[in-house]
Amino acid sequence: MTDATVKGPASYFPSIEKTYGKPVAHWFALLDGVADRKHMEQVAFLKTSHGIGHGHANALVAFHRACAQG
């Protein structure tokens, strides 16, 4: 038996998709457009422009930035 529990920012993804009705890929595409901004500026962008809650926005940004770094 394997431990398939998702941890870290990705653990928020099912809730984000259910709450906001869009796949996380949608939010990552938006973050691509503001990739030049700092972490908290990207969080603020999702919160103010798209109504995402702080925890969800932070999880999306953290995951997106980690993936961009390779």
PDB file of N, CA and C in Angstrom:
ATOM      1  N   MET A   1       0.850  -1.189   0.000  1.00  0.00           N
ATOM      2  CA  MET A   1       0.000   0.000   0.000  1.00  0.00           C
ATOM      3  C   MET A   1       0.891   1.247   0.000  1.00  0.00           C
ATOM      4  N   THR A   2       0.577   2.213  -0.848  1.00  0.00           N
ATOM      5  CA  THR A   2       1.372   3.430  -0.937  1.00  0.00           C
ATOM      6  C   THR A   2       0.647   4.579  -0.262  1.00  0.00           C
ATOM      7  N   ASP A   3       1.434   5.519   0.173  1.00  0.00           N
ATOM      8  CA  ASP A   3       0.878   6.721   0.789  1.00  0.00           C
ATOM      9  C   ASP A   3       0.669   7.760  -0.302  1.00  0.00           C
ATOM     10  N   ALA A   4      -0.570   7.875  -0.798  1.00  0.00           N
ATOM     11  CA  ALA A   4      -0.880   8.767  -1.909  1.00  0.00           C
ATOM     12  C   ALA A   4      -1.436  10.111  -1.441  1.00  0.00           C
ATOM     13  N   THR A   5      -1.251  10.434  -0.168  1.00  0.00           N
ATOM     14  CA  THR A   5      -1.758  11.687   0.363  1.00  0.00           C
ATOM     15  C   THR A   5      -1.000  12.857  -0.252  1.00  0.00           C
ATOM     16  N   VAL A   6      -1.749  13.782  -0.824  1.00  0.00           N
ATOM     17  CA  VAL A   6      -1.146  14.976  -1.407  1.00  0.00           C
ATOM     18  C   VAL A   6      -0.863  15.959  -0.286  1.00  0.00           C
ATOM     19  N   LYS A   7       0.352  16.507  -0.309  1.00  0.00           N
ATOM     20  CA  LYS A   7       0.753  17.446   0.733  1.00  0.00           C
ATOM     21  C   LYS A   7       1.160  18.771   0.103  1.00  0.00           C
ATOM     22  N   GLY A   8       1.329  19.772   0.938  1.00  0.00           N
ATOM     23  CA  GLY A   8       1.773  21.080   0.465  1.00  0.00           C
ATOM     24  C   GLY A   8       0.672  21.825  -0.275  1.00  0.00           C
ATOM     25  N   PRO A   9       1.082  22.801  -1.092  1.00  0.00           N
ATOM     26  CA  PRO A   9       0.100  23.637  -1.794  1.00  0.00           C
ATOM     27  C   PRO A   9      -0.889  22.843  -2.648  1.00  0.00           C
ATOM     28  N   ALA A  10      -0.442  21.743  -3.249  1.00  0.00           N
ATOM     29  CA  ALA A  10      -1.329  20.960  -4.120  1.00  0.00           C
ATOM     30  C   ALA A  10      -2.507  20.360  -3.364  1.00  0.00           C
ATOM     31  N   SER A  11      -2.385  20.241  -2.048  1.00  0.00           N
ATOM     32  CA  SER A  11      -3.495  19.682  -1.269  1.00  0.00           C
ATOM     33  C   SER A  11      -4.723  20.596  -1.308  1.00  0.00           C
ATOM     34  N   TYR A  12      -4.529  21.854  -1.677  1.00  0.00           N
ATOM     35  CA  TYR A  12      -5.635  22.810  -1.774  1.00  0.00           C
ATOM     36  C   TYR A  12      -6.380  22.732  -3.113  1.00  0.00           C
ATOM     37  N   PHE A  13      -5.771  22.093  -4.108  1.00  0.00           N
ATOM     38  CA  PHE A  13      -6.314  22.153  -5.464  1.00  0.00           C
ATOM     39  C   PHE A  13      -7.755  21.666  -5.593  1.00  0.00           C
ATOM     40  N   PRO A  14      -8.147  20.528  -4.993  1.00  0.00           N
ATOM     41  CA  PRO A  14      -9.551  20.111  -5.126  1.00  0.00           C
ATOM     42  C   PRO A  14     -10.524  21.163  -4.578  1.00  0.00           C
ATOM     43  N   SER A  15     -10.181  21.753  -3.453  1.00  0.00           N
ATOM     44  CA  SER A  15     -11.039  22.780  -2.857  1.00  0.00           C
ATOM     45  C   SER A  15     -11.087  24.028  -3.726  1.00  0.00           C
ATOM     46  N   ILE A  16      -9.959  24.410  -4.297  1.00  0.00           N
ATOM     47  CA  ILE A  16      -9.902  25.584  -5.166  1.00  0.00           C
ATOM     48  C   ILE A  16     -10.795  25.364  -6.384  1.00  0.00           C
ATOM     49  N   GLU A  17     -10.682  24.209  -7.002  1.00  0.00           N
ATOM     50  CA  GLU A  17     -11.486  23.921  -8.195  1.00  0.00           C
ATOM     51  C   GLU A  17     -12.969  23.876  -7.857  1.00  0.00           C
ATOM     52  N   LYS A  18     -13.314  23.307  -6.723  1.00  0.00           N
ATOM     53  CA  LYS A  18     -14.719  23.233  -6.313  1.00  0.00           C
ATOM     54  C   LYS A  18     -15.263  24.625  -5.961  1.00  0.00           C
ATOM     55  N   THR A  19     -14.491  25.390  -5.227  1.00  0.00           N
ATOM     56  CA  THR A  19     -14.944  26.702  -4.752  1.00  0.00           C
ATOM     57  C   THR A  19     -15.088  27.716  -5.874  1.00  0.00           C
ATOM     58  N   TYR A  20     -14.128  27.732  -6.805  1.00  0.00           N
ATOM     59  CA  TYR A  20     -14.108  28.782  -7.818  1.00  0.00           C
ATOM     60  C   TYR A  20     -14.541  28.314  -9.204  1.00  0.00           C
ATOM     61  N   GLY A  21     -14.803  27.006  -9.350  1.00  0.00           N
ATOM     62  CA  GLY A  21     -15.381  26.479 -10.587  1.00  0.00           C
ATOM     63  C   GLY A  21     -14.472  26.463 -11.804  1.00  0.00           C
ATOM     64  N   LYS A  22     -13.180  26.564 -11.573  1.00  0.00           N
ATOM     65  CA  LYS A  22     -12.225  26.542 -12.688  1.00  0.00           C
ATOM     66  C   LYS A  22     -11.065  25.624 -12.297  1.00  0.00           C
ATOM     67  N   PRO A  23     -10.458  24.969 -13.284  1.00  0.00           N
ATOM     68  CA  PRO A  23      -9.313  24.113 -12.977  1.00  0.00           C
ATOM     69  C   PRO A  23      -8.103  24.954 -12.567  1.00  0.00           C
ATOM     70  N   VAL A  24      -7.197  24.355 -11.822  1.00  0.00           N
ATOM     71  CA  VAL A  24      -6.023  25.112 -11.383  1.00  0.00           C
ATOM     72  C   VAL A  24      -5.211  25.609 -12.579  1.00  0.00           C
ATOM     73  N   ALA A  25      -5.276  24.917 -13.698  1.00  0.00           N
ATOM     74  CA  ALA A  25      -4.562  25.369 -14.905  1.00  0.00           C
ATOM     75  C   ALA A  25      -5.018  26.768 -15.318  1.00  0.00           C
ATOM     76  N   HIS A  26      -6.285  27.090 -15.091  1.00  0.00           N
ATOM     77  CA  HIS A  26      -6.800  28.431 -15.396  1.00  0.00           C
ATOM     78  C   HIS A  26      -6.059  29.477 -14.569  1.00  0.00           C
ATOM     79  N   TRP A  27      -5.907  29.203 -13.271  1.00  0.00           N
ATOM     80  CA  TRP A  27      -5.256  30.151 -12.373  1.00  0.00           C
ATOM     81  C   TRP A  27      -3.760  30.246 -12.689  1.00  0.00           C
ATOM     82  N   PHE A  28      -3.142  29.117 -13.060  1.00  0.00           N
ATOM     83  CA  PHE A  28      -1.729  29.142 -13.436  1.00  0.00           C
ATOM     84  C   PHE A  28      -1.516  29.977 -14.694  1.00  0.00           C
ATOM     85  N   ALA A  29      -2.452  29.908 -15.631  1.00  0.00           N
ATOM     86  CA  ALA A  29      -2.339  30.717 -16.850  1.00  0.00           C
ATOM     87  C   ALA A  29      -2.402  32.203 -16.502  1.00  0.00           C
ATOM     88  N   LEU A  30      -3.265  32.566 -15.563  1.00  0.00           N
ATOM     89  CA  LEU A  30      -3.331  33.965 -15.129  1.00  0.00           C
ATOM     90  C   LEU A  30      -2.031  34.376 -14.453  1.00  0.00           C
ATOM     91  N   LEU A  31      -1.470  33.483 -13.659  1.00  0.00           N
ATOM     92  CA  LEU A  31      -0.214  33.788 -12.978  1.00  0.00           C
ATOM     93  C   LEU A  31       0.940  33.917 -13.961  1.00  0.00           C
ATOM     94  N   ASP A  32       0.871  33.207 -15.076  1.00  0.00           N
ATOM     95  CA  ASP A  32       1.887  33.370 -16.118  1.00  0.00           C
ATOM     96  C   ASP A  32       1.950  34.823 -16.581  1.00  0.00           C
ATOM     97  N   GLY A  33       0.809  35.469 -16.601  1.00  0.00           N
ATOM     98  CA  GLY A  33       0.734  36.852 -17.057  1.00  0.00           C
ATOM     99  C   GLY A  33       1.294  37.866 -16.078  1.00  0.00           C
ATOM    100  N   VAL A  34       1.479  37.453 -14.830  1.00  0.00           N
ATOM    101  CA  VAL A  34       2.044  38.357 -13.822  1.00  0.00           C
ATOM    102  C   VAL A  34       3.296  37.738 -13.192  1.00  0.00           C
ATOM    103  N   ALA A  35       3.996  36.944 -13.974  1.00  0.00           N
ATOM    104  CA  ALA A  35       5.175  36.218 -13.485  1.00  0.00           C
ATOM    105  C   ALA A  35       6.295  37.141 -13.029  1.00  0.00           C
ATOM    106  N   ASP A  36       6.282  38.374 -13.507  1.00  0.00           N
ATOM    107  CA  ASP A  36       7.334  39.322 -13.138  1.00  0.00           C
ATOM    108  C   ASP A  36       7.114  39.938 -11.752  1.00  0.00           C
ATOM    109  N   ARG A  37       5.955  39.692 -11.151  1.00  0.00           N
ATOM    110  CA  ARG A  37       5.653  40.266  -9.840  1.00  0.00           C
ATOM    111  C   ARG A  37       6.183  39.371  -8.712  1.00  0.00           C
ATOM    112  N   LYS A  38       6.332  39.967  -7.544  1.00  0.00           N
ATOM    113  CA  LYS A  38       6.758  39.226  -6.355  1.00  0.00           C
ATOM    114  C   LYS A  38       5.626  38.324  -5.867  1.00  0.00           C
ATOM    115  N   HIS A  39       5.991  37.355  -5.026  1.00  0.00           N
ATOM    116  CA  HIS A  39       5.029  36.370  -4.514  1.00  0.00           C
ATOM    117  C   HIS A  39       3.756  37.033  -3.970  1.00  0.00           C
ATOM    118  N   MET A  40       3.927  37.940  -3.016  1.00  0.00           N
ATOM    119  CA  MET A  40       2.742  38.541  -2.388  1.00  0.00           C
ATOM    120  C   MET A  40       1.990  39.468  -3.340  1.00  0.00           C
ATOM    121  N   GLU A  41       2.648  40.000  -4.333  1.00  0.00           N
ATOM    122  CA  GLU A  41       1.943  40.790  -5.349  1.00  0.00           C
ATOM    123  C   GLU A  41       1.069  39.872  -6.205  1.00  0.00           C
ATOM    124  N   GLN A  42       1.545  38.678  -6.478  1.00  0.00           N
ATOM    125  CA  GLN A  42       0.735  37.714  -7.225  1.00  0.00           C
ATOM    126  C   GLN A  42      -0.455  37.255  -6.389  1.00  0.00           C
ATOM    127  N   VAL A  43      -0.222  37.034  -5.099  1.00  0.00           N
ATOM    128  CA  VAL A  43      -1.319  36.665  -4.195  1.00  0.00           C
ATOM    129  C   VAL A  43      -2.368  37.776  -4.197  1.00  0.00           C
ATOM    130  N   ALA A  44      -1.932  39.007  -4.058  1.00  0.00           N
ATOM    131  CA  ALA A  44      -2.851  40.154  -4.047  1.00  0.00           C
ATOM    132  C   ALA A  44      -3.620  40.246  -5.358  1.00  0.00           C
ATOM    133  N   PHE A  45      -2.962  39.970  -6.475  1.00  0.00           N
ATOM    134  CA  PHE A  45      -3.622  39.976  -7.784  1.00  0.00           C
ATOM    135  C   PHE A  45      -4.780  38.983  -7.813  1.00  0.00           C
ATOM    136  N   LEU A  46      -4.539  37.762  -7.360  1.00  0.00           N
ATOM    137  CA  LEU A  46      -5.608  36.758  -7.355  1.00  0.00           C
ATOM    138  C   LEU A  46      -6.734  37.146  -6.406  1.00  0.00           C
ATOM    139  N   LYS A  47      -6.387  37.717  -5.267  1.00  0.00           N
ATOM    140  CA  LYS A  47      -7.392  38.100  -4.287  1.00  0.00           C
ATOM    141  C   LYS A  47      -8.250  39.261  -4.776  1.00  0.00           C
ATOM    142  N   THR A  48      -7.611  40.312  -5.243  1.00  0.00           N
ATOM    143  CA  THR A  48      -8.359  41.520  -5.589  1.00  0.00           C
ATOM    144  C   THR A  48      -9.022  41.441  -6.954  1.00  0.00           C
ATOM    145  N   SER A  49      -8.348  40.851  -7.913  1.00  0.00           N
ATOM    146  CA  SER A  49      -8.887  40.814  -9.275  1.00  0.00           C
ATOM    147  C   SER A  49      -9.819  39.633  -9.528  1.00  0.00           C
ATOM    148  N   HIS A  50      -9.680  38.571  -8.714  1.00  0.00           N
ATOM    149  CA  HIS A  50     -10.439  37.350  -9.013  1.00  0.00           C
ATOM    150  C   HIS A  50     -11.181  36.781  -7.815  1.00  0.00           C
ATOM    151  N   GLY A  51     -11.108  37.441  -6.659  1.00  0.00           N
ATOM    152  CA  GLY A  51     -11.886  37.032  -5.497  1.00  0.00           C
ATOM    153  C   GLY A  51     -11.442  35.733  -4.843  1.00  0.00           C
ATOM    154  N   ILE A  52     -10.196  35.355  -5.046  1.00  0.00           N
ATOM    155  CA  ILE A  52      -9.670  34.137  -4.434  1.00  0.00           C
ATOM    156  C   ILE A  52      -9.302  34.447  -2.985  1.00  0.00           C
ATOM    157  N   GLY A  53      -9.618  33.530  -2.077  1.00  0.00           N
ATOM    158  CA  GLY A  53      -9.244  33.703  -0.681  1.00  0.00           C
ATOM    159  C   GLY A  53      -7.737  33.650  -0.505  1.00  0.00           C
ATOM    160  N   HIS A  54      -7.251  34.196   0.590  1.00  0.00           N
ATOM    161  CA  HIS A  54      -5.805  34.306   0.807  1.00  0.00           C
ATOM    162  C   HIS A  54      -5.101  32.946   0.787  1.00  0.00           C
ATOM    163  N   GLY A  55      -5.608  31.976   1.516  1.00  0.00           N
ATOM    164  CA  GLY A  55      -4.964  30.661   1.573  1.00  0.00           C
ATOM    165  C   GLY A  55      -4.897  29.989   0.223  1.00  0.00           C
ATOM    166  N   HIS A  56      -5.989  30.060  -0.516  1.00  0.00           N
ATOM    167  CA  HIS A  56      -6.021  29.463  -1.850  1.00  0.00           C
ATOM    168  C   HIS A  56      -5.084  30.196  -2.802  1.00  0.00           C
ATOM    169  N   ALA A  57      -5.094  31.518  -2.749  1.00  0.00           N
ATOM    170  CA  ALA A  57      -4.210  32.299  -3.620  1.00  0.00           C
ATOM    171  C   ALA A  57      -2.747  32.004  -3.307  1.00  0.00           C
ATOM    172  N   ASN A  58      -2.422  31.931  -2.032  1.00  0.00           N
ATOM    173  CA  ASN A  58      -1.049  31.657  -1.632  1.00  0.00           C
ATOM    174  C   ASN A  58      -0.611  30.270  -2.100  1.00  0.00           C
ATOM    175  N   ALA A  59      -1.486  29.285  -1.990  1.00  0.00           N
ATOM    176  CA  ALA A  59      -1.160  27.925  -2.434  1.00  0.00           C
ATOM    177  C   ALA A  59      -0.917  27.893  -3.942  1.00  0.00           C
ATOM    178  N   LEU A  60      -1.764  28.558  -4.710  1.00  0.00           N
ATOM    179  CA  LEU A  60      -1.587  28.603  -6.159  1.00  0.00           C
ATOM    180  C   LEU A  60      -0.266  29.262  -6.535  1.00  0.00           C
ATOM    181  N   VAL A  61       0.029  30.384  -5.908  1.00  0.00           N
ATOM    182  CA  VAL A  61       1.256  31.113  -6.223  1.00  0.00           C
ATOM    183  C   VAL A  61       2.480  30.290  -5.817  1.00  0.00           C
ATOM    184  N   ALA A  62       2.466  29.702  -4.633  1.00  0.00           N
ATOM    185  CA  ALA A  62       3.618  28.920  -4.163  1.00  0.00           C
ATOM    186  C   ALA A  62       3.905  27.760  -5.108  1.00  0.00           C
ATOM    187  N   PHE A  63       2.862  27.046  -5.515  1.00  0.00           N
ATOM    188  CA  PHE A  63       3.046  25.909  -6.408  1.00  0.00           C
ATOM    189  C   PHE A  63       3.537  26.371  -7.773  1.00  0.00           C
ATOM    190  N   HIS A  64       2.912  27.412  -8.302  1.00  0.00           N
ATOM    191  CA  HIS A  64       3.267  27.932  -9.610  1.00  0.00           C
ATOM    192  C   HIS A  64       4.723  28.401  -9.646  1.00  0.00           C
ATOM    193  N   ARG A  65       5.146  29.108  -8.604  1.00  0.00           N
ATOM    194  CA  ARG A  65       6.520  29.599  -8.555  1.00  0.00           C
ATOM    195  C   ARG A  65       7.512  28.457  -8.408  1.00  0.00           C
ATOM    196  N   ALA A  66       7.165  27.449  -7.632  1.00  0.00           N
ATOM    197  CA  ALA A  66       8.055  26.291  -7.456  1.00  0.00           C
ATOM    198  C   ALA A  66       8.236  25.554  -8.785  1.00  0.00           C
ATOM    199  N   CYS A  67       7.166  25.426  -9.541  1.00  0.00           N
ATOM    200  CA  CYS A  67       7.242  24.744 -10.843  1.00  0.00           C
ATOM    201  C   CYS A  67       8.049  25.567 -11.844  1.00  0.00           C
ATOM    202  N   ALA A  68       7.924  26.869 -11.770  1.00  0.00           N
ATOM    203  CA  ALA A  68       8.646  27.747 -12.706  1.00  0.00           C
ATOM    204  C   ALA A  68      10.148  27.691 -12.465  1.00  0.00           C
ATOM    205  N   GLN A  69      10.539  27.388 -11.240  1.00  0.00           N
ATOM    206  CA  GLN A  69      11.960  27.314 -10.909  1.00  0.00           C
ATOM    207  C   GLN A  69      12.577  25.986 -11.336  1.00  0.00           C
ATOM    208  N   GLY A  70      11.713  25.035 -11.704  1.00  0.00           N
ATOM    209  CA  GLY A  70      12.207  23.763 -12.195  1.00  0.00           C
ATOM    210  C   GLY A  70      12.336  22.800 -11.125  1.00  0.00           C
TER     211      GLY A  70
END
